[in-house]
Amino acid sequence: MGEDIARAMAHHPPQRAAEEIATHIRKFWDPRMRSSIVGRVEAGEPMDDLLRAGVQLYRQGEIDRAEVAEPSGG
């Protein structure tokens, strides 16, 4: 699922894409999914560079809190 999100955000500049991924993880993923992807990053598993950057921002709390508070469009 994370790889799909990274592909969907790839049209943004890399920093913006990573921020969007981090916000998406915080807003839509349940705690088990978050824990799993963080564990994959910590274990050094291969993954998309944008996804890895987004997870790292998520772990650092670098998310758009205003966006997280907004209801989803779907």
Foldseek 3Di string as FASTA:
>chain_A
DLQVLLVVLVVDPLVVSLQVSLLCCVQPPDPVVLVVLLVCLVVVPDDDPSSNSNNVCNVVVVYDVVVSPDDDPD
